[in-house]
N, C-alpha and C. Protein backbone atom coordinates (compact mmCIF):
# COMPACT_ATOMS: atom_id res chain seq x y z
N MET A 1 67.54 117.43 181.03
CA MET A 1 67.38 118.71 181.67
C MET A 1 68.70 119.22 182.23
N VAL A 2 69.50 118.33 182.79
CA VAL A 2 70.79 118.70 183.35
C VAL A 2 71.70 119.20 182.22
N ALA A 3 71.62 118.58 181.06
CA ALA A 3 72.45 118.99 179.92
C ALA A 3 72.10 120.41 179.50
N PHE A 4 70.81 120.77 179.52
CA PHE A 4 70.40 122.14 179.15
C PHE A 4 70.93 123.17 180.14
N LYS A 5 70.97 122.79 181.43
CA LYS A 5 71.50 123.71 182.44
C LYS A 5 72.99 123.95 182.22
N LYS A 6 73.73 122.89 181.89
CA LYS A 6 75.17 123.02 181.64
C LYS A 6 75.42 123.88 180.40
N ILE A 7 74.63 123.64 179.35
CA ILE A 7 74.78 124.44 178.13
C ILE A 7 74.42 125.89 178.41
N GLY A 8 73.38 126.10 179.20
CA GLY A 8 72.97 127.46 179.57
C GLY A 8 74.08 128.18 180.34
N LYS A 9 74.72 127.48 181.29
CA LYS A 9 75.82 128.08 182.05
C LYS A 9 77.00 128.41 181.14
N ILE A 10 77.30 127.52 180.22
CA ILE A 10 78.42 127.76 179.29
C ILE A 10 78.12 128.96 178.41
N LEU A 11 76.90 129.03 177.88
CA LEU A 11 76.52 130.18 177.04
C LEU A 11 76.57 131.49 177.84
N PHE A 12 76.13 131.42 179.10
CA PHE A 12 76.17 132.60 179.96
C PHE A 12 77.61 133.07 180.14
N LEU A 13 78.54 132.15 180.40
CA LEU A 13 79.95 132.51 180.56
C LEU A 13 80.54 133.08 179.27
N VAL A 14 80.18 132.48 178.15
CA VAL A 14 80.66 132.98 176.86
C VAL A 14 80.16 134.41 176.65
N CYS A 15 78.91 134.68 176.96
CA CYS A 15 78.35 136.03 176.81
C CYS A 15 79.07 137.03 177.71
N ILE A 16 79.32 136.64 178.95
CA ILE A 16 80.00 137.53 179.90
C ILE A 16 81.42 137.84 179.40
N ILE A 17 82.13 136.81 178.96
CA ILE A 17 83.51 137.01 178.49
C ILE A 17 83.52 137.86 177.23
N SER A 18 82.63 137.60 176.29
CA SER A 18 82.60 138.39 175.05
C SER A 18 82.21 139.83 175.34
N CYS A 19 81.32 140.04 176.30
CA CYS A 19 80.94 141.40 176.67
C CYS A 19 82.13 142.12 177.28
N PHE A 20 82.92 141.41 178.08
CA PHE A 20 84.11 142.01 178.69
C PHE A 20 85.05 142.53 177.60
N TYR A 21 85.29 141.73 176.58
CA TYR A 21 86.19 142.16 175.50
C TYR A 21 85.54 143.23 174.62
N ALA A 22 84.27 143.12 174.38
CA ALA A 22 83.58 144.10 173.54
C ALA A 22 83.44 145.44 174.26
N CYS A 23 83.36 145.42 175.58
CA CYS A 23 83.17 146.65 176.34
C CYS A 23 84.48 147.27 176.79
N ASP A 24 85.59 146.70 176.39
CA ASP A 24 86.90 147.26 176.76
C ASP A 24 86.99 148.67 176.20
N ASN A 25 87.22 149.64 177.05
CA ASN A 25 87.27 151.04 176.65
C ASN A 25 88.67 151.51 176.28
N THR A 26 89.61 150.61 176.13
CA THR A 26 90.95 151.00 175.74
C THR A 26 90.90 151.57 174.33
N PRO A 27 91.33 152.82 174.16
CA PRO A 27 91.26 153.41 172.82
C PRO A 27 92.20 152.72 171.84
N THR A 28 91.76 152.60 170.63
CA THR A 28 92.57 152.02 169.58
C THR A 28 93.20 153.17 168.80
N PRO A 29 94.53 153.17 168.70
CA PRO A 29 95.16 154.29 168.01
C PRO A 29 94.86 154.26 166.51
N GLU A 30 94.63 155.45 165.97
CA GLU A 30 94.48 155.57 164.53
C GLU A 30 95.87 155.68 163.92
N PRO A 31 96.13 155.00 162.84
CA PRO A 31 97.46 155.09 162.25
C PRO A 31 97.68 156.45 161.59
N ILE A 32 98.90 156.93 161.70
CA ILE A 32 99.27 158.16 160.99
C ILE A 32 99.39 157.79 159.51
N PRO A 33 98.84 158.59 158.62
CA PRO A 33 98.93 158.26 157.20
C PRO A 33 100.39 158.10 156.77
N TYR A 34 100.62 157.22 155.83
CA TYR A 34 101.98 156.98 155.34
C TYR A 34 102.36 158.01 154.28
N ARG A 35 103.53 158.58 154.42
CA ARG A 35 104.12 159.44 153.40
C ARG A 35 105.57 159.01 153.23
N PHE A 36 105.99 158.86 152.02
CA PHE A 36 107.37 158.48 151.73
C PHE A 36 108.31 159.60 152.19
N VAL A 37 109.35 159.24 152.94
CA VAL A 37 110.32 160.22 153.41
C VAL A 37 111.72 159.73 153.05
N ASN A 38 112.46 160.58 152.36
CA ASN A 38 113.85 160.32 152.02
C ASN A 38 114.54 161.67 151.88
N LYS A 39 115.03 162.21 153.00
CA LYS A 39 115.64 163.53 153.02
C LYS A 39 117.13 163.40 153.30
N ILE A 40 117.90 164.20 152.59
CA ILE A 40 119.34 164.26 152.81
C ILE A 40 119.67 165.69 153.19
N ILE A 41 120.29 165.84 154.35
CA ILE A 41 120.56 167.17 154.90
C ILE A 41 122.06 167.31 155.17
N ASP A 42 122.63 168.41 154.71
CA ASP A 42 124.02 168.72 155.02
C ASP A 42 124.02 169.59 156.27
N LEU A 43 124.52 169.05 157.36
CA LEU A 43 124.50 169.76 158.63
C LEU A 43 125.41 170.99 158.63
N ASN A 44 126.28 171.12 157.63
CA ASN A 44 127.13 172.31 157.51
C ASN A 44 126.37 173.49 156.91
N ASN A 45 125.20 173.23 156.35
CA ASN A 45 124.37 174.30 155.79
C ASN A 45 123.92 175.20 156.93
N LEU A 46 123.97 176.51 156.73
CA LEU A 46 123.60 177.47 157.77
C LEU A 46 122.15 177.30 158.25
N ALA A 47 121.29 176.77 157.42
CA ALA A 47 119.89 176.56 157.82
C ALA A 47 119.78 175.55 158.97
N TYR A 48 120.81 174.75 159.18
CA TYR A 48 120.79 173.72 160.22
C TYR A 48 121.78 174.04 161.35
N GLN A 49 122.09 175.31 161.51
CA GLN A 49 123.03 175.76 162.54
C GLN A 49 122.61 175.27 163.94
N ARG A 50 121.32 175.25 164.21
CA ARG A 50 120.83 174.85 165.54
C ARG A 50 121.11 173.38 165.83
N LEU A 51 121.39 172.58 164.80
CA LEU A 51 121.68 171.16 165.00
C LEU A 51 123.14 170.91 165.31
N LYS A 52 123.91 171.95 165.49
CA LYS A 52 125.32 171.80 165.87
C LYS A 52 125.48 171.66 167.39
N PHE A 53 124.37 171.82 168.12
CA PHE A 53 124.42 171.78 169.58
C PHE A 53 123.43 170.75 170.12
N ASP A 54 123.84 170.04 171.17
CA ASP A 54 122.94 169.08 171.81
C ASP A 54 121.66 169.78 172.25
N GLY A 55 120.52 169.17 171.97
CA GLY A 55 119.23 169.76 172.31
C GLY A 55 118.70 170.70 171.24
N GLY A 56 119.48 170.91 170.18
CA GLY A 56 119.02 171.77 169.10
C GLY A 56 118.00 171.06 168.23
N PHE A 57 117.13 171.82 167.60
CA PHE A 57 116.11 171.23 166.74
C PHE A 57 115.80 172.18 165.59
N VAL A 58 115.24 171.62 164.54
CA VAL A 58 114.72 172.41 163.41
C VAL A 58 113.47 171.72 162.91
N TYR A 59 112.63 172.51 162.27
CA TYR A 59 111.47 171.98 161.58
C TYR A 59 111.84 171.84 160.11
N GLU A 60 111.38 170.76 159.52
CA GLU A 60 111.68 170.49 158.12
C GLU A 60 110.40 170.05 157.42
N GLU A 61 110.27 170.39 156.16
CA GLU A 61 109.13 169.91 155.39
C GLU A 61 109.28 168.43 155.13
N GLY A 62 108.15 167.77 154.90
CA GLY A 62 108.17 166.35 154.60
C GLY A 62 107.21 165.60 155.50
N GLY A 63 107.07 164.33 155.26
CA GLY A 63 106.15 163.52 156.04
C GLY A 63 104.72 163.98 155.82
N VAL A 64 103.90 163.84 156.84
CA VAL A 64 102.49 164.21 156.75
C VAL A 64 102.30 165.68 157.10
N ARG A 65 102.80 166.10 158.25
CA ARG A 65 102.63 167.49 158.71
C ARG A 65 103.95 168.17 159.01
N GLY A 66 105.02 167.60 158.49
CA GLY A 66 106.34 168.15 158.74
C GLY A 66 107.15 167.22 159.63
N ILE A 67 108.43 167.57 159.81
CA ILE A 67 109.36 166.75 160.58
C ILE A 67 110.08 167.64 161.58
N ILE A 68 110.25 167.13 162.78
CA ILE A 68 111.10 167.78 163.78
C ILE A 68 112.40 166.99 163.81
N ILE A 69 113.51 167.66 163.54
CA ILE A 69 114.82 167.02 163.64
C ILE A 69 115.45 167.52 164.94
N TYR A 70 115.87 166.59 165.76
CA TYR A 70 116.39 166.91 167.10
C TYR A 70 117.76 166.26 167.28
N ARG A 71 118.70 167.05 167.79
CA ARG A 71 120.05 166.52 168.06
C ARG A 71 120.13 166.12 169.53
N LYS A 72 120.30 164.82 169.75
CA LYS A 72 120.50 164.33 171.12
C LYS A 72 121.95 164.54 171.53
N ASN A 73 122.86 164.14 170.66
CA ASN A 73 124.29 164.38 170.86
C ASN A 73 124.96 164.38 169.50
N ALA A 74 126.27 164.49 169.46
CA ALA A 74 127.00 164.64 168.19
C ALA A 74 126.78 163.47 167.24
N ASN A 75 126.40 162.32 167.76
CA ASN A 75 126.24 161.14 166.92
C ASN A 75 124.80 160.65 166.78
N VAL A 76 123.88 161.25 167.55
CA VAL A 76 122.50 160.76 167.56
C VAL A 76 121.54 161.91 167.24
N TYR A 77 120.81 161.72 166.15
CA TYR A 77 119.77 162.66 165.73
C TYR A 77 118.47 161.90 165.62
N TYR A 78 117.39 162.53 166.06
CA TYR A 78 116.06 161.95 165.92
C TYR A 78 115.27 162.78 164.93
N ALA A 79 114.40 162.12 164.19
CA ALA A 79 113.50 162.81 163.26
C ALA A 79 112.09 162.30 163.56
N PHE A 80 111.24 163.22 164.01
CA PHE A 80 109.87 162.87 164.39
C PHE A 80 108.87 163.44 163.41
N GLU A 81 107.85 162.66 163.09
CA GLU A 81 106.70 163.16 162.34
C GLU A 81 105.96 164.14 163.23
N ARG A 82 105.60 165.29 162.69
CA ARG A 82 104.90 166.31 163.49
C ARG A 82 103.42 166.00 163.67
N ASN A 83 102.89 165.04 162.91
CA ASN A 83 101.49 164.64 163.06
C ASN A 83 101.33 163.94 164.41
N CYS A 84 100.48 164.48 165.26
CA CYS A 84 100.26 163.90 166.59
C CYS A 84 99.65 162.51 166.46
N PRO A 85 100.15 161.53 167.24
CA PRO A 85 99.60 160.18 167.16
C PRO A 85 98.21 160.05 167.77
N TYR A 86 97.76 161.06 168.52
CA TYR A 86 96.41 161.03 169.08
C TYR A 86 95.48 161.75 168.11
N ARG A 87 94.55 161.04 167.55
CA ARG A 87 93.60 161.58 166.57
C ARG A 87 94.34 162.32 165.44
N PRO A 88 95.18 161.60 164.71
CA PRO A 88 96.03 162.23 163.69
C PRO A 88 95.28 162.87 162.53
N TYR A 89 93.98 162.56 162.38
CA TYR A 89 93.23 163.14 161.27
C TYR A 89 92.59 164.48 161.62
N ASP A 90 92.71 164.90 162.89
CA ASP A 90 92.23 166.23 163.25
C ASP A 90 93.08 167.27 162.53
N ALA A 91 92.46 168.31 162.03
CA ALA A 91 93.17 169.33 161.25
C ALA A 91 94.27 170.02 162.04
N CYS A 92 94.12 170.08 163.35
CA CYS A 92 95.10 170.81 164.17
C CYS A 92 96.12 169.89 164.84
N ALA A 93 96.15 168.62 164.50
CA ALA A 93 97.01 167.64 165.18
C ALA A 93 98.46 167.76 164.72
N GLN A 94 99.14 168.81 165.18
CA GLN A 94 100.54 169.04 164.80
C GLN A 94 101.37 169.33 166.04
N VAL A 95 102.44 168.58 166.19
CA VAL A 95 103.33 168.70 167.34
C VAL A 95 104.39 169.75 167.04
N LYS A 96 104.76 170.49 168.09
CA LYS A 96 105.84 171.45 167.98
C LYS A 96 106.69 171.36 169.24
N VAL A 97 107.87 171.95 169.18
CA VAL A 97 108.72 172.02 170.35
C VAL A 97 108.26 173.22 171.17
N ASP A 98 108.08 172.99 172.47
CA ASP A 98 107.66 174.08 173.35
C ASP A 98 108.71 175.18 173.36
N ILE A 99 108.29 176.41 173.59
CA ILE A 99 109.19 177.55 173.61
C ILE A 99 110.32 177.37 174.62
N SER A 100 110.08 176.58 175.68
CA SER A 100 111.12 176.31 176.69
C SER A 100 112.22 175.41 176.13
N GLY A 101 111.87 174.61 175.10
CA GLY A 101 112.83 173.66 174.53
C GLY A 101 112.98 172.38 175.34
N PHE A 102 112.13 172.20 176.36
CA PHE A 102 112.25 171.03 177.23
C PHE A 102 111.36 169.87 176.84
N PHE A 103 110.39 170.09 175.97
CA PHE A 103 109.45 169.04 175.59
C PHE A 103 108.75 169.44 174.29
N MET A 104 107.99 168.50 173.74
CA MET A 104 107.19 168.75 172.55
C MET A 104 105.73 168.64 172.94
N LEU A 105 104.86 169.35 172.21
CA LEU A 105 103.44 169.30 172.54
C LEU A 105 102.57 169.51 171.32
N ASP A 106 101.37 169.00 171.44
CA ASP A 106 100.30 169.26 170.47
C ASP A 106 99.30 170.14 171.19
N GLU A 107 99.22 171.39 170.81
CA GLU A 107 98.32 172.32 171.49
C GLU A 107 96.85 171.99 171.25
N CYS A 108 96.56 171.23 170.21
CA CYS A 108 95.18 170.87 169.89
C CYS A 108 94.60 169.93 170.95
N CYS A 109 95.28 168.83 171.22
CA CYS A 109 94.76 167.85 172.18
C CYS A 109 95.43 167.94 173.54
N LYS A 110 96.42 168.81 173.66
CA LYS A 110 97.15 169.02 174.93
C LYS A 110 97.96 167.79 175.34
N SER A 111 98.54 167.09 174.34
CA SER A 111 99.45 165.98 174.63
C SER A 111 100.88 166.49 174.65
N TYR A 112 101.67 165.96 175.59
CA TYR A 112 103.07 166.35 175.75
C TYR A 112 103.94 165.14 175.50
N PHE A 113 105.12 165.37 174.91
CA PHE A 113 106.04 164.29 174.55
C PHE A 113 107.46 164.67 174.97
N ASP A 114 108.25 163.66 175.35
CA ASP A 114 109.66 163.91 175.62
C ASP A 114 110.42 163.83 174.30
N PHE A 115 111.73 164.03 174.35
CA PHE A 115 112.51 164.03 173.12
C PHE A 115 112.94 162.64 172.68
N GLU A 116 112.33 161.62 173.27
CA GLU A 116 112.42 160.27 172.74
C GLU A 116 111.14 159.98 171.95
N GLY A 117 110.17 160.92 172.02
CA GLY A 117 108.90 160.77 171.32
C GLY A 117 107.82 160.13 172.15
N ASN A 118 108.10 159.85 173.42
CA ASN A 118 107.13 159.19 174.29
C ASN A 118 106.15 160.18 174.91
N PRO A 119 104.87 159.81 174.99
CA PRO A 119 103.91 160.72 175.64
C PRO A 119 104.20 160.82 177.13
N THR A 120 104.11 162.03 177.67
CA THR A 120 104.35 162.23 179.10
C THR A 120 103.09 162.69 179.82
N SER A 121 102.17 163.32 179.10
CA SER A 121 100.87 163.67 179.67
C SER A 121 99.91 164.03 178.55
N GLY A 122 98.64 164.13 178.90
CA GLY A 122 97.62 164.39 177.90
C GLY A 122 96.99 163.10 177.43
N PRO A 123 96.11 163.18 176.46
CA PRO A 123 95.38 161.98 176.03
C PRO A 123 96.19 161.02 175.14
N ALA A 124 97.29 161.47 174.56
CA ALA A 124 98.07 160.58 173.67
C ALA A 124 98.66 159.45 174.49
N PHE A 125 98.55 158.23 173.97
CA PHE A 125 99.10 157.07 174.65
C PHE A 125 100.10 156.35 173.76
N SER A 126 100.19 156.75 172.49
CA SER A 126 101.16 156.17 171.57
C SER A 126 102.32 157.13 171.39
N PRO A 127 103.53 156.61 171.17
CA PRO A 127 104.66 157.49 170.92
C PRO A 127 104.55 158.16 169.55
N MET A 128 105.28 159.22 169.38
CA MET A 128 105.33 159.90 168.08
C MET A 128 106.01 158.98 167.07
N LEU A 129 105.64 159.14 165.82
CA LEU A 129 106.27 158.37 164.75
C LEU A 129 107.69 158.90 164.57
N ARG A 130 108.65 157.99 164.64
CA ARG A 130 110.05 158.39 164.50
C ARG A 130 110.61 157.78 163.21
N TYR A 131 111.20 158.63 162.41
CA TYR A 131 111.83 158.19 161.17
C TYR A 131 113.26 157.71 161.47
N ARG A 132 113.79 156.89 160.57
CA ARG A 132 115.17 156.43 160.70
C ARG A 132 116.12 157.57 160.33
N THR A 133 117.21 157.65 161.05
CA THR A 133 118.25 158.63 160.71
C THR A 133 119.58 157.91 160.62
N SER A 134 120.42 158.39 159.73
CA SER A 134 121.80 157.88 159.67
C SER A 134 122.71 159.06 159.38
N LEU A 135 123.87 159.04 160.02
CA LEU A 135 124.82 160.14 159.92
C LEU A 135 126.11 159.63 159.30
N ALA A 136 126.56 160.31 158.25
CA ALA A 136 127.84 160.01 157.60
C ALA A 136 128.57 161.33 157.42
N GLY A 137 129.53 161.59 158.30
CA GLY A 137 130.21 162.87 158.27
C GLY A 137 129.22 163.96 158.67
N SER A 138 129.00 164.91 157.76
CA SER A 138 128.04 165.99 158.05
C SER A 138 126.72 165.78 157.33
N ILE A 139 126.53 164.61 156.73
CA ILE A 139 125.31 164.32 155.97
C ILE A 139 124.37 163.47 156.83
N LEU A 140 123.19 164.02 157.08
CA LEU A 140 122.15 163.33 157.84
C LEU A 140 121.08 162.88 156.85
N THR A 141 120.79 161.59 156.86
CA THR A 141 119.75 161.02 155.99
C THR A 141 118.57 160.60 156.85
N ILE A 142 117.38 160.99 156.42
CA ILE A 142 116.14 160.67 157.14
C ILE A 142 115.25 159.86 156.19
N THR A 143 114.85 158.68 156.62
CA THR A 143 114.02 157.81 155.80
C THR A 143 112.97 157.10 156.64
N ASN A 144 112.00 156.49 155.95
CA ASN A 144 111.04 155.65 156.64
C ASN A 144 111.08 154.25 156.06
């Protein structure tokens, strides 16, 4: 009889622990669909004039919903996937640079991101997908 009580207590603890993990309400991020990206951009091209200044950005085709290219400084450029990491399969899940130029946002879910791609407010908890960039002279290469 004592053995049954011990087994019962162990089973009860196992159930409580498994319920704790099963009931965890932490959202699981959905992955952004993969799209091959290999873009070569000549920064001397007039279409990229805004990238000659720190804080400048342009939108470029490619990726899933487009790419935001952002100049941090003369040697550092970031390329972000415009597909919002929060519910990326929603038709409206597209990030843009706010008219102020101080942050990026997805107007669909109301998530805000800094220019490192990190969420600053809203429901998004994952950073934006950032592509690799390399600079050789005036040639910027963006890849994944």
